[in-house]
Amino acid sequence: MNSEKKFVPVMITPFNLKAKVDLEVVTRLIDFYLAAGVKGFFANCLSSEMYSISEDERLELTQHVTRYVNGRVPVVATGSFGLTIEDKAEFTKRIYDTGIDAVILITGHFAKVEDGDDVLIRNFDQMLKLTSDIPMGLYECPAPYKRILSADVFNSLLETNRFVYHKDTSIELEQVKAKLKVLKEHEGNKLEFYDAHTPNAMFSLQMGAKGMSSISGNFYPEVMVWMCENATNPERQEEVKWLQSELSSVDPLIHQAYPLCAKYFLSKRGLPIRPISRAHVLALTPQQKQVLDEIYDRFLTWCERLEIEPVNIGSLLNY
């Protein structure tokens, strides 16, 4: 397998003044991510406010991403929407037709909170039968509730050979380690494992994760790309440990009023993203803005110490 580590951002959705999806700014956002060195995109995800946009908007947004990316890097998107498994399968086919590389299935969409893993596996099995050979991914999304896959369930799903992507939100490193051990036992399996929890970055990457796919990429993707590229580099371990400590210390702060805070941060960096969100209706408080301003200053010090060149937003907007 290719040993390259990748950072895959969970894309945010820019809105115009009428709270409609702003595809022109989506284009500029894609340019920004690519200039930062990302190796893929997760469109139509929780960060995209997928539960706050319509079915048509999910499709339109995802198709815009795939067309503009045009094969430069892989694109995945959530497809498991609908009341029944048949509904989810139908929408999966529709979003796959936008040109994405794999359809992501939310684990919490396939069993109720009180259901056992037997129900989860049975529903996944039905979903796979209804969707032919469409490549799939797994996401332990926090909404509608976070359904963490056990190592045993993860093993069962790997044996189907249908999954190419997994976004893990276990948080607990022992659970991450257990799943990575299972993946290693499936030699030749094409699934790529991505951790969503930034405080795990150094540890997960060193244990064998393919990369990271965390909300921190909507603030400082260049830094997350650096971490993915250097976490296993024996010559940079002192800097890797220092950066991990820095990232972990600010991580709880960037989750407050998310994704609105990410839009504020990116607008501060020069992207034409308005501080408008359907998922978070309240405006940021002066105190929240001050915290983000301080994190922005810390971001600049990270770049300086690690010799990272922050993306020049002006150059992206001038063509």
Foldseek 3Di string as FASTA:
>chain_A
DDLAAFEEEADAFFADPVRHTDLVLVLLVVVQLVLLPGAEYEYCDVNNVNVLDDLVSSQVNLLSVCVSCVPVHAYEYEQQDDDALLNSLVSLVSSVVSPGQAYEYAQCSQDPPPDDVVSSLVSVVVNPVSNDQGAYEYEQDPPPHGDADALVSLLVVLVVLRYQEYEHAPPDVVRLLSNLVSVVVVPPRNHAYEYADLLCFLVSSCSPHRYYYYNCCLQAVSLRSVLSRPSNPPVCPVLNVVVSVVCVVCVVLCVPLPPLLSQVNVVVVPRPGDSDDSVRHDDDDPVSVVSSVVVSVVSVVSCVVVVGDNDDSVVSPPD
